[in-house]
Full PDB file with SEQRES, HELIX, SHEET, SSBOND, CRYST1, ORIGX, SCALE, CONECT and MASTER records, all heavy atoms in Angstrom:
SEQRES   1 A   32  MET ARG LEU THR GLY THR SER VAL ASP CYS TYR LYS TYR          
SEQRES   2 A   32  LEU GLU PRO LEU TYR ASN ASP TYR ARG LYS VAL LYS MET          
SEQRES   3 A   32  GLN LYS ARG ASP GLY GLU                                      
HELIX    1 AA1 SER A    7  LEU A   14  1                                   8    
HELIX    2 AA2 GLU A   15  ASN A   19  5                                   5    
CRYST1    1.000    1.000    1.000  90.00  90.00  90.00 P 1           1          
ORIGX1      1.000000  0.000000  0.000000        0.00000                         
ORIGX2      0.000000  1.000000  0.000000        0.00000                         
ORIGX3      0.000000  0.000000  1.000000        0.00000                         
SCALE1      1.000000  0.000000  0.000000        0.00000                         
SCALE2      0.000000  1.000000  0.000000        0.00000                         
SCALE3      0.000000  0.000000  1.000000        0.00000                         
ATOM      1  N   MET A   1      25.634 -16.071 -21.169  1.00  0.00           N  
ATOM      2  CA  MET A   1      25.085 -15.320 -20.042  1.00  0.00           C  
ATOM      3  C   MET A   1      24.591 -16.272 -18.946  1.00  0.00           C  
ATOM      4  O   MET A   1      24.749 -15.989 -17.744  1.00  0.00           O  
ATOM      5  CB  MET A   1      23.936 -14.439 -20.525  1.00  0.00           C  
ATOM      6  CG  MET A   1      23.248 -13.632 -19.432  1.00  0.00           C  
ATOM      7  SD  MET A   1      24.330 -12.462 -18.572  1.00  0.00           S  
ATOM      8  CE  MET A   1      24.479 -11.196 -19.831  1.00  0.00           C  
ATOM      9  N   ARG A   2      24.036 -17.392 -19.342  1.00  0.00           N  
ATOM     10  CA  ARG A   2      23.547 -18.360 -18.345  1.00  0.00           C  
ATOM     11  C   ARG A   2      24.706 -18.998 -17.585  1.00  0.00           C  
ATOM     12  O   ARG A   2      24.579 -19.303 -16.390  1.00  0.00           O  
ATOM     13  CB  ARG A   2      22.718 -19.439 -19.063  1.00  0.00           C  
ATOM     14  CG  ARG A   2      22.222 -20.551 -18.172  1.00  0.00           C  
ATOM     15  CD  ARG A   2      21.199 -20.041 -17.166  1.00  0.00           C  
ATOM     16  NE  ARG A   2      20.724 -21.112 -16.296  1.00  0.00           N  
ATOM     17  CZ  ARG A   2      21.332 -21.506 -15.175  1.00  0.00           C  
ATOM     18  NH1 ARG A   2      22.460 -20.916 -14.786  1.00  0.00           N  
ATOM     19  NH2 ARG A   2      20.829 -22.495 -14.449  1.00  0.00           N  
ATOM     20  N   LEU A   3      25.850 -19.190 -18.236  1.00  0.00           N  
ATOM     21  CA  LEU A   3      26.999 -19.814 -17.583  1.00  0.00           C  
ATOM     22  C   LEU A   3      27.746 -18.848 -16.673  1.00  0.00           C  
ATOM     23  O   LEU A   3      28.265 -19.249 -15.628  1.00  0.00           O  
ATOM     24  CB  LEU A   3      27.963 -20.376 -18.640  1.00  0.00           C  
ATOM     25  CG  LEU A   3      27.472 -21.606 -19.424  1.00  0.00           C  
ATOM     26  CD1 LEU A   3      28.417 -21.919 -20.566  1.00  0.00           C  
ATOM     27  CD2 LEU A   3      27.332 -22.807 -18.517  1.00  0.00           C  
ATOM     28  N   THR A   4      27.820 -17.589 -17.064  1.00  0.00           N  
ATOM     29  CA  THR A   4      28.679 -16.641 -16.347  1.00  0.00           C  
ATOM     30  C   THR A   4      27.913 -15.579 -15.558  1.00  0.00           C  
ATOM     31  O   THR A   4      28.486 -14.984 -14.644  1.00  0.00           O  
ATOM     32  CB  THR A   4      29.605 -15.927 -17.336  1.00  0.00           C  
ATOM     33  OG1 THR A   4      28.806 -15.211 -18.304  1.00  0.00           O  
ATOM     34  CG2 THR A   4      30.493 -16.920 -18.068  1.00  0.00           C  
ATOM     35  N   GLY A   5      26.664 -15.323 -15.896  1.00  0.00           N  
ATOM     36  CA  GLY A   5      25.932 -14.227 -15.278  1.00  0.00           C  
ATOM     37  C   GLY A   5      25.324 -14.606 -13.938  1.00  0.00           C  
ATOM     38  O   GLY A   5      25.215 -15.785 -13.569  1.00  0.00           O  
ATOM     39  N   THR A   6      24.909 -13.586 -13.207  1.00  0.00           N  
ATOM     40  CA  THR A   6      24.215 -13.790 -11.934  1.00  0.00           C  
ATOM     41  C   THR A   6      22.757 -14.179 -12.192  1.00  0.00           C  
ATOM     42  O   THR A   6      22.264 -14.109 -13.325  1.00  0.00           O  
ATOM     43  CB  THR A   6      24.286 -12.529 -11.086  1.00  0.00           C  
ATOM     44  OG1 THR A   6      23.646 -11.457 -11.789  1.00  0.00           O  
ATOM     45  CG2 THR A   6      25.742 -12.148 -10.780  1.00  0.00           C  
ATOM     46  N   SER A   7      22.066 -14.548 -11.099  1.00  0.00           N  
ATOM     47  CA  SER A   7      20.663 -14.962 -11.237  1.00  0.00           C  
ATOM     48  C   SER A   7      19.798 -13.802 -11.713  1.00  0.00           C  
ATOM     49  O   SER A   7      18.899 -13.982 -12.555  1.00  0.00           O  
ATOM     50  CB  SER A   7      20.145 -15.481  -9.891  1.00  0.00           C  
ATOM     51  OG  SER A   7      20.888 -16.590  -9.471  1.00  0.00           O  
ATOM     52  N   VAL A   8      20.081 -12.598 -11.216  1.00  0.00           N  
ATOM     53  CA  VAL A   8      19.293 -11.432 -11.615  1.00  0.00           C  
ATOM     54  C   VAL A   8      19.506 -11.130 -13.096  1.00  0.00           C  
ATOM     55  O   VAL A   8      18.551 -10.841 -13.836  1.00  0.00           O  
ATOM     56  CB  VAL A   8      19.664 -10.218 -10.742  1.00  0.00           C  
ATOM     57  CG1 VAL A   8      18.884  -8.980 -11.196  1.00  0.00           C  
ATOM     58  CG2 VAL A   8      19.377 -10.508  -9.274  1.00  0.00           C  
ATOM     59  N   ASP A   9      20.777 -11.208 -13.560  1.00  0.00           N  
ATOM     60  CA  ASP A   9      21.053 -10.931 -14.973  1.00  0.00           C  
ATOM     61  C   ASP A   9      20.435 -11.979 -15.893  1.00  0.00           C  
ATOM     62  O   ASP A   9      19.949 -11.651 -16.989  1.00  0.00           O  
ATOM     63  CB  ASP A   9      22.571 -10.880 -15.198  1.00  0.00           C  
ATOM     64  CG  ASP A   9      23.219  -9.669 -14.545  1.00  0.00           C  
ATOM     65  OD1 ASP A   9      22.498  -8.664 -14.314  1.00  0.00           O  
ATOM     66  OD2 ASP A   9      24.431  -9.719 -14.255  1.00  0.00           O  
ATOM     67  N   CYS A  10      20.439 -13.231 -15.437  1.00  0.00           N  
ATOM     68  CA  CYS A  10      19.848 -14.300 -16.274  1.00  0.00           C  
ATOM     69  C   CYS A  10      18.357 -14.073 -16.478  1.00  0.00           C  
ATOM     70  O   CYS A  10      17.854 -14.172 -17.612  1.00  0.00           O  
ATOM     71  CB  CYS A  10      20.107 -15.654 -15.629  1.00  0.00           C  
ATOM     72  SG  CYS A  10      21.830 -16.180 -15.679  1.00  0.00           S  
ATOM     73  N   TYR A  11      17.632 -13.765 -15.394  1.00  0.00           N  
ATOM     74  CA  TYR A  11      16.198 -13.508 -15.529  1.00  0.00           C  
ATOM     75  C   TYR A  11      15.937 -12.217 -16.309  1.00  0.00           C  
ATOM     76  O   TYR A  11      14.968 -12.125 -17.074  1.00  0.00           O  
ATOM     77  CB  TYR A  11      15.556 -13.420 -14.148  1.00  0.00           C  
ATOM     78  CG  TYR A  11      15.401 -14.758 -13.463  1.00  0.00           C  
ATOM     79  CD1 TYR A  11      16.097 -15.035 -12.289  1.00  0.00           C  
ATOM     80  CD2 TYR A  11      14.564 -15.742 -13.989  1.00  0.00           C  
ATOM     81  CE1 TYR A  11      15.948 -16.259 -11.656  1.00  0.00           C  
ATOM     82  CE2 TYR A  11      14.420 -16.963 -13.353  1.00  0.00           C  
ATOM     83  CZ  TYR A  11      15.119 -17.222 -12.185  1.00  0.00           C  
ATOM     84  OH  TYR A  11      14.977 -18.430 -11.572  1.00  0.00           O  
ATOM     85  N   LYS A  12      16.801 -11.246 -16.132  1.00  0.00           N  
ATOM     86  CA  LYS A  12      16.571  -9.938 -16.744  1.00  0.00           C  
ATOM     87  C   LYS A  12      16.756  -9.968 -18.253  1.00  0.00           C  
ATOM     88  O   LYS A  12      15.984  -9.346 -19.004  1.00  0.00           O  
ATOM     89  CB  LYS A  12      17.522  -8.924 -16.110  1.00  0.00           C  
ATOM     90  CG  LYS A  12      17.348  -7.506 -16.610  1.00  0.00           C  
ATOM     91  CD  LYS A  12      18.332  -6.565 -15.917  1.00  0.00           C  
ATOM     92  CE  LYS A  12      18.201  -5.147 -16.425  1.00  0.00           C  
ATOM     93  NZ  LYS A  12      19.186  -4.232 -15.761  1.00  0.00           N  
ATOM     94  N   TYR A  13      17.767 -10.708 -18.730  1.00  0.00           N  
ATOM     95  CA  TYR A  13      18.101 -10.679 -20.161  1.00  0.00           C  
ATOM     96  C   TYR A  13      17.546 -11.870 -20.939  1.00  0.00           C  
ATOM     97  O   TYR A  13      17.406 -11.781 -22.175  1.00  0.00           O  
ATOM     98  CB  TYR A  13      19.627 -10.618 -20.348  1.00  0.00           C  
ATOM     99  CG  TYR A  13      20.252  -9.343 -19.859  1.00  0.00           C  
ATOM    100  CD1 TYR A  13      21.038  -9.329 -18.711  1.00  0.00           C  
ATOM    101  CD2 TYR A  13      20.061  -8.142 -20.543  1.00  0.00           C  
ATOM    102  CE1 TYR A  13      21.622  -8.150 -18.248  1.00  0.00           C  
ATOM    103  CE2 TYR A  13      20.637  -6.964 -20.093  1.00  0.00           C  
ATOM    104  CZ  TYR A  13      21.405  -6.972 -18.938  1.00  0.00           C  
ATOM    105  OH  TYR A  13      21.977  -5.786 -18.486  1.00  0.00           O  
ATOM    106  N   LEU A  14      17.261 -12.956 -20.242  1.00  0.00           N  
ATOM    107  CA  LEU A  14      16.796 -14.158 -20.964  1.00  0.00           C  
ATOM    108  C   LEU A  14      15.283 -14.259 -21.052  1.00  0.00           C  
ATOM    109  O   LEU A  14      14.757 -14.822 -22.016  1.00  0.00           O  
ATOM    110  CB  LEU A  14      17.358 -15.424 -20.306  1.00  0.00           C  
ATOM    111  CG  LEU A  14      18.875 -15.591 -20.306  1.00  0.00           C  
ATOM    112  CD1 LEU A  14      19.255 -16.949 -19.748  1.00  0.00           C  
ATOM    113  CD2 LEU A  14      19.462 -15.408 -21.693  1.00  0.00           C  
ATOM    114  N   GLU A  15      14.568 -13.753 -20.049  1.00  0.00           N  
ATOM    115  CA  GLU A  15      13.105 -13.871 -20.083  1.00  0.00           C  
ATOM    116  C   GLU A  15      12.452 -13.122 -21.242  1.00  0.00           C  
ATOM    117  O   GLU A  15      11.450 -13.617 -21.786  1.00  0.00           O  
ATOM    118  CB  GLU A  15      12.514 -13.401 -18.752  1.00  0.00           C  
ATOM    119  CG  GLU A  15      12.635 -14.440 -17.657  1.00  0.00           C  
ATOM    120  CD  GLU A  15      11.983 -13.993 -16.362  1.00  0.00           C  
ATOM    121  OE1 GLU A  15      11.701 -12.790 -16.215  1.00  0.00           O  
ATOM    122  OE2 GLU A  15      11.745 -14.844 -15.484  1.00  0.00           O  
ATOM    123  N   PRO A  16      12.960 -11.983 -21.694  1.00  0.00           N  
ATOM    124  CA  PRO A  16      12.350 -11.354 -22.890  1.00  0.00           C  
ATOM    125  C   PRO A  16      12.421 -12.216 -24.142  1.00  0.00           C  
ATOM    126  O   PRO A  16      11.648 -12.003 -25.085  1.00  0.00           O  
ATOM    127  CB  PRO A  16      13.161 -10.061 -23.054  1.00  0.00           C  
ATOM    128  CG  PRO A  16      13.675  -9.757 -21.690  1.00  0.00           C  
ATOM    129  CD  PRO A  16      13.934 -11.081 -21.057  1.00  0.00           C  
ATOM    130  N   LEU A  17      13.327 -13.214 -24.166  1.00  0.00           N  
ATOM    131  CA  LEU A  17      13.444 -14.082 -25.349  1.00  0.00           C  
ATOM    132  C   LEU A  17      12.328 -15.124 -25.421  1.00  0.00           C  
ATOM    133  O   LEU A  17      12.256 -15.868 -26.400  1.00  0.00           O  
ATOM    134  CB  LEU A  17      14.808 -14.793 -25.344  1.00  0.00           C  
ATOM    135  CG  LEU A  17      16.047 -13.887 -25.315  1.00  0.00           C  
ATOM    136  CD1 LEU A  17      17.310 -14.721 -25.401  1.00  0.00           C  
ATOM    137  CD2 LEU A  17      16.007 -12.873 -26.453  1.00  0.00           C  
ATOM    138  N   TYR A  18      11.456 -15.173 -24.401  1.00  0.00           N  
ATOM    139  CA  TYR A  18      10.289 -16.062 -24.476  1.00  0.00           C  
ATOM    140  C   TYR A  18       9.350 -15.650 -25.610  1.00  0.00           C  
ATOM    141  O   TYR A  18       8.534 -16.464 -26.057  1.00  0.00           O  
ATOM    142  CB  TYR A  18       9.522 -16.039 -23.161  1.00  0.00           C  
ATOM    143  CG  TYR A  18      10.057 -16.986 -22.106  1.00  0.00           C  
ATOM    144  CD1 TYR A  18      10.353 -16.532 -20.839  1.00  0.00           C  
ATOM    145  CD2 TYR A  18      10.256 -18.332 -22.389  1.00  0.00           C  
ATOM    146  CE1 TYR A  18      10.834 -17.395 -19.859  1.00  0.00           C  
ATOM    147  CE2 TYR A  18      10.748 -19.196 -21.423  1.00  0.00           C  
ATOM    148  CZ  TYR A  18      11.027 -18.720 -20.163  1.00  0.00           C  
ATOM    149  OH  TYR A  18      11.506 -19.595 -19.202  1.00  0.00           O  
ATOM    150  N   ASN A  19       9.435 -14.424 -26.050  1.00  0.00           N  
ATOM    151  CA  ASN A  19       8.562 -13.941 -27.134  1.00  0.00           C  
ATOM    152  C   ASN A  19       9.120 -14.238 -28.524  1.00  0.00           C  
ATOM    153  O   ASN A  19       8.525 -13.837 -29.524  1.00  0.00           O  
ATOM    154  CB  ASN A  19       8.343 -12.429 -26.991  1.00  0.00           C  
ATOM    155  CG  ASN A  19       7.685 -12.076 -25.672  1.00  0.00           C  
ATOM    156  OD1 ASN A  19       6.867 -12.833 -25.157  1.00  0.00           O  
ATOM    157  ND2 ASN A  19       8.052 -10.929 -25.112  1.00  0.00           N  
ATOM    158  N   ASP A  20      10.257 -14.920 -28.594  1.00  0.00           N  
ATOM    159  CA  ASP A  20      10.872 -15.279 -29.879  1.00  0.00           C  
ATOM    160  C   ASP A  20      10.463 -16.710 -30.203  1.00  0.00           C  
ATOM    161  O   ASP A  20      10.849 -17.651 -29.511  1.00  0.00           O  
ATOM    162  CB  ASP A  20      12.399 -15.145 -29.785  1.00  0.00           C  
ATOM    163  CG  ASP A  20      13.057 -15.213 -31.159  1.00  0.00           C  
ATOM    164  OD1 ASP A  20      12.368 -15.564 -32.145  1.00  0.00           O  
ATOM    165  OD2 ASP A  20      14.270 -14.932 -31.256  1.00  0.00           O  
ATOM    166  N   TYR A  21       9.665 -16.872 -31.258  1.00  0.00           N  
ATOM    167  CA  TYR A  21       9.126 -18.186 -31.612  1.00  0.00           C  
ATOM    168  C   TYR A  21       9.738 -18.747 -32.891  1.00  0.00           C  
ATOM    169  O   TYR A  21       9.145 -19.607 -33.538  1.00  0.00           O  
ATOM    170  CB  TYR A  21       7.611 -18.111 -31.773  1.00  0.00           C  
ATOM    171  CG  TYR A  21       6.908 -17.491 -30.592  1.00  0.00           C  
ATOM    172  CD1 TYR A  21       6.256 -16.267 -30.709  1.00  0.00           C  
ATOM    173  CD2 TYR A  21       6.908 -18.112 -29.352  1.00  0.00           C  
ATOM    174  CE1 TYR A  21       5.616 -15.694 -29.623  1.00  0.00           C  
ATOM    175  CE2 TYR A  21       6.275 -17.553 -28.259  1.00  0.00           C  
ATOM    176  CZ  TYR A  21       5.625 -16.333 -28.392  1.00  0.00           C  
ATOM    177  OH  TYR A  21       5.002 -15.758 -27.321  1.00  0.00           O  
ATOM    178  N   ARG A  22      10.916 -18.291 -33.243  1.00  0.00           N  
ATOM    179  CA  ARG A  22      11.549 -18.765 -34.474  1.00  0.00           C  
ATOM    180  C   ARG A  22      12.079 -20.190 -34.314  1.00  0.00           C  
ATOM    181  O   ARG A  22      12.469 -20.602 -33.223  1.00  0.00           O  
ATOM    182  CB  ARG A  22      12.689 -17.826 -34.871  1.00  0.00           C  
ATOM    183  CG  ARG A  22      12.223 -16.485 -35.402  1.00  0.00           C  
ATOM    184  CD  ARG A  22      13.385 -15.597 -35.773  1.00  0.00           C  
ATOM    185  NE  ARG A  22      14.158 -15.186 -34.592  1.00  0.00           N  
ATOM    186  CZ  ARG A  22      15.231 -14.390 -34.641  1.00  0.00           C  
ATOM    187  NH1 ARG A  22      15.657 -13.938 -35.817  1.00  0.00           N  
ATOM    188  NH2 ARG A  22      15.863 -14.055 -33.534  1.00  0.00           N  
ATOM    189  N   LYS A  23      12.096 -20.905 -35.402  1.00  0.00           N  
ATOM    190  CA  LYS A  23      12.589 -22.284 -35.393  1.00  0.00           C  
ATOM    191  C   LYS A  23      14.106 -22.305 -35.520  1.00  0.00           C  
ATOM    192  O   LYS A  23      14.702 -21.498 -36.238  1.00  0.00           O  
ATOM    193  CB  LYS A  23      11.979 -23.074 -36.553  1.00  0.00           C  
ATOM    194  CG  LYS A  23      10.489 -23.283 -36.444  1.00  0.00           C  
ATOM    195  CD  LYS A  23       9.976 -24.081 -37.627  1.00  0.00           C  
ATOM    196  CE  LYS A  23       8.468 -24.284 -37.541  1.00  0.00           C  
ATOM    197  NZ  LYS A  23       7.957 -25.048 -38.703  1.00  0.00           N  
ATOM    198  N   VAL A  24      14.718 -23.259 -34.815  1.00  0.00           N  
ATOM    199  CA  VAL A  24      16.162 -23.478 -34.899  1.00  0.00           C  
ATOM    200  C   VAL A  24      16.413 -24.970 -35.065  1.00  0.00           C  
ATOM    201  O   VAL A  24      15.585 -25.804 -34.686  1.00  0.00           O  
ATOM    202  CB  VAL A  24      16.894 -22.930 -33.643  1.00  0.00           C  
ATOM    203  CG1 VAL A  24      16.838 -21.424 -33.602  1.00  0.00           C  
ATOM    204  CG2 VAL A  24      16.333 -23.521 -32.374  1.00  0.00           C  
ATOM    205  N   LYS A  25      17.580 -25.274 -35.604  1.00  0.00           N  
ATOM    206  CA  LYS A  25      17.966 -26.665 -35.828  1.00  0.00           C  
ATOM    207  C   LYS A  25      18.913 -27.091 -34.709  1.00  0.00           C  
ATOM    208  O   LYS A  25      19.883 -26.392 -34.407  1.00  0.00           O  
ATOM    209  CB  LYS A  25      18.648 -26.781 -37.185  1.00  0.00           C  
ATOM    210  CG  LYS A  25      18.803 -28.215 -37.677  1.00  0.00           C  
ATOM    211  CD  LYS A  25      19.637 -28.284 -38.935  1.00  0.00           C  
ATOM    212  CE  LYS A  25      18.952 -27.631 -40.102  1.00  0.00           C  
ATOM    213  NZ  LYS A  25      19.746 -27.777 -41.341  1.00  0.00           N  
ATOM    214  N   MET A  26      18.618 -28.239 -34.118  1.00  0.00           N  
ATOM    215  CA  MET A  26      19.425 -28.755 -33.015  1.00  0.00           C  
ATOM    216  C   MET A  26      19.919 -30.154 -33.349  1.00  0.00           C  
ATOM    217  O   MET A  26      19.151 -30.996 -33.818  1.00  0.00           O  
ATOM    218  CB  MET A  26      18.607 -28.789 -31.721  1.00  0.00           C  
ATOM    219  CG  MET A  26      19.404 -29.189 -30.509  1.00  0.00           C  
ATOM    220  SD  MET A  26      18.475 -29.005 -28.969  1.00  0.00           S  
ATOM    221  CE  MET A  26      19.750 -29.442 -27.783  1.00  0.00           C  
ATOM    222  N   GLN A  27      21.214 -30.372 -33.081  1.00  0.00           N  
ATOM    223  CA  GLN A  27      21.826 -31.675 -33.336  1.00  0.00           C  
ATOM    224  C   GLN A  27      21.755 -32.533 -32.076  1.00  0.00           C  
ATOM    225  O   GLN A  27      22.170 -32.107 -30.998  1.00  0.00           O  
ATOM    226  CB  GLN A  27      23.279 -31.505 -33.774  1.00  0.00           C  
ATOM    227  CG  GLN A  27      23.917 -32.775 -34.285  1.00  0.00           C  
ATOM    228  CD  GLN A  27      25.347 -32.552 -34.746  1.00  0.00           C  
ATOM    229  OE1 GLN A  27      26.042 -31.686 -34.222  1.00  0.00           O  
ATOM    230  NE2 GLN A  27      25.783 -33.314 -35.739  1.00  0.00           N  
ATOM    231  N   LYS A  28      21.239 -33.738 -32.232  1.00  0.00           N  
ATOM    232  CA  LYS A  28      21.110 -34.643 -31.094  1.00  0.00           C  
ATOM    233  C   LYS A  28      22.386 -35.459 -30.896  1.00  0.00           C  
ATOM    234  O   LYS A  28      23.349 -35.345 -31.651  1.00  0.00           O  
ATOM    235  CB  LYS A  28      19.907 -35.567 -31.309  1.00  0.00           C  
ATOM    236  CG  LYS A  28      18.586 -34.820 -31.334  1.00  0.00           C  
ATOM    237  CD  LYS A  28      17.400 -35.763 -31.356  1.00  0.00           C  
ATOM    238  CE  LYS A  28      17.278 -36.489 -32.668  1.00  0.00           C  
ATOM    239  NZ  LYS A  28      16.042 -37.322 -32.730  1.00  0.00           N  
ATOM    240  N   ARG A  29      22.370 -36.307 -29.872  1.00  0.00           N  
ATOM    241  CA  ARG A  29      23.572 -37.076 -29.504  1.00  0.00           C  
ATOM    242  C   ARG A  29      23.944 -38.079 -30.581  1.00  0.00           C  
ATOM    243  O   ARG A  29      25.135 -38.371 -30.795  1.00  0.00           O  
ATOM    244  CB  ARG A  29      23.316 -37.782 -28.180  1.00  0.00           C  
ATOM    245  CG  ARG A  29      24.557 -38.376 -27.530  1.00  0.00           C  
ATOM    246  CD  ARG A  29      25.521 -37.300 -27.095  1.00  0.00           C  
ATOM    247  NE  ARG A  29      26.730 -37.834 -26.516  1.00  0.00           N  
ATOM    248  CZ  ARG A  29      26.954 -37.978 -25.199  1.00  0.00           C  
ATOM    249  NH1 ARG A  29      26.031 -37.603 -24.337  1.00  0.00           N  
ATOM    250  NH2 ARG A  29      28.097 -38.462 -24.752  1.00  0.00           N  
ATOM    251  N   ASP A  30      22.946 -38.611 -31.283  1.00  0.00           N  
ATOM    252  CA  ASP A  30      23.229 -39.595 -32.337  1.00  0.00           C  
ATOM    253  C   ASP A  30      23.601 -38.961 -33.667  1.00  0.00           C  
ATOM    254  O   ASP A  30      23.801 -39.675 -34.658  1.00  0.00           O  
ATOM    255  CB  ASP A  30      22.025 -40.512 -32.526  1.00  0.00           C  
ATOM    256  CG  ASP A  30      20.758 -39.737 -32.817  1.00  0.00           C  
ATOM    257  OD1 ASP A  30      20.794 -38.491 -32.826  1.00  0.00           O  
ATOM    258  OD2 ASP A  30      19.703 -40.378 -33.039  1.00  0.00           O  
ATOM    259  N   GLY A  31      23.698 -37.642 -33.723  1.00  0.00           N  
ATOM    260  CA  GLY A  31      24.104 -36.949 -34.947  1.00  0.00           C  
ATOM    261  C   GLY A  31      22.950 -36.491 -35.804  1.00  0.00           C  
ATOM    262  O   GLY A  31      23.168 -35.743 -36.778  1.00  0.00           O  
ATOM    263  N   GLU A  32      21.718 -36.911 -35.498  1.00  0.00           N  
ATOM    264  CA  GLU A  32      20.565 -36.469 -36.272  1.00  0.00           C  
ATOM    265  C   GLU A  32      20.085 -35.099 -35.788  1.00  0.00           C  
ATOM    266  O   GLU A  32      20.400 -34.680 -34.670  1.00  0.00           O  
ATOM    267  CB  GLU A  32      19.437 -37.493 -36.146  1.00  0.00           C  
ATOM    268  CG  GLU A  32      19.782 -38.843 -36.740  1.00  0.00           C  
ATOM    269  CD  GLU A  32      18.635 -39.820 -36.635  1.00  0.00           C  
ATOM    270  OE1 GLU A  32      17.581 -39.433 -36.067  1.00  0.00           O  
ATOM    271  OE2 GLU A  32      18.787 -40.961 -37.116  1.00  0.00           O  
TER     272      GLU A  32                                                      
MASTER        0    0    0    2    0    0    0    6  271    1    0    3          
END                                                                             
């Protein structure tokens, strides 16, 4: 949505996800 959507759609659909505090795993550039 961030890549293809308009500015209004990005704020409208992504800002409610600020209330999601779940942990996720992210892979860094060095593979860790």
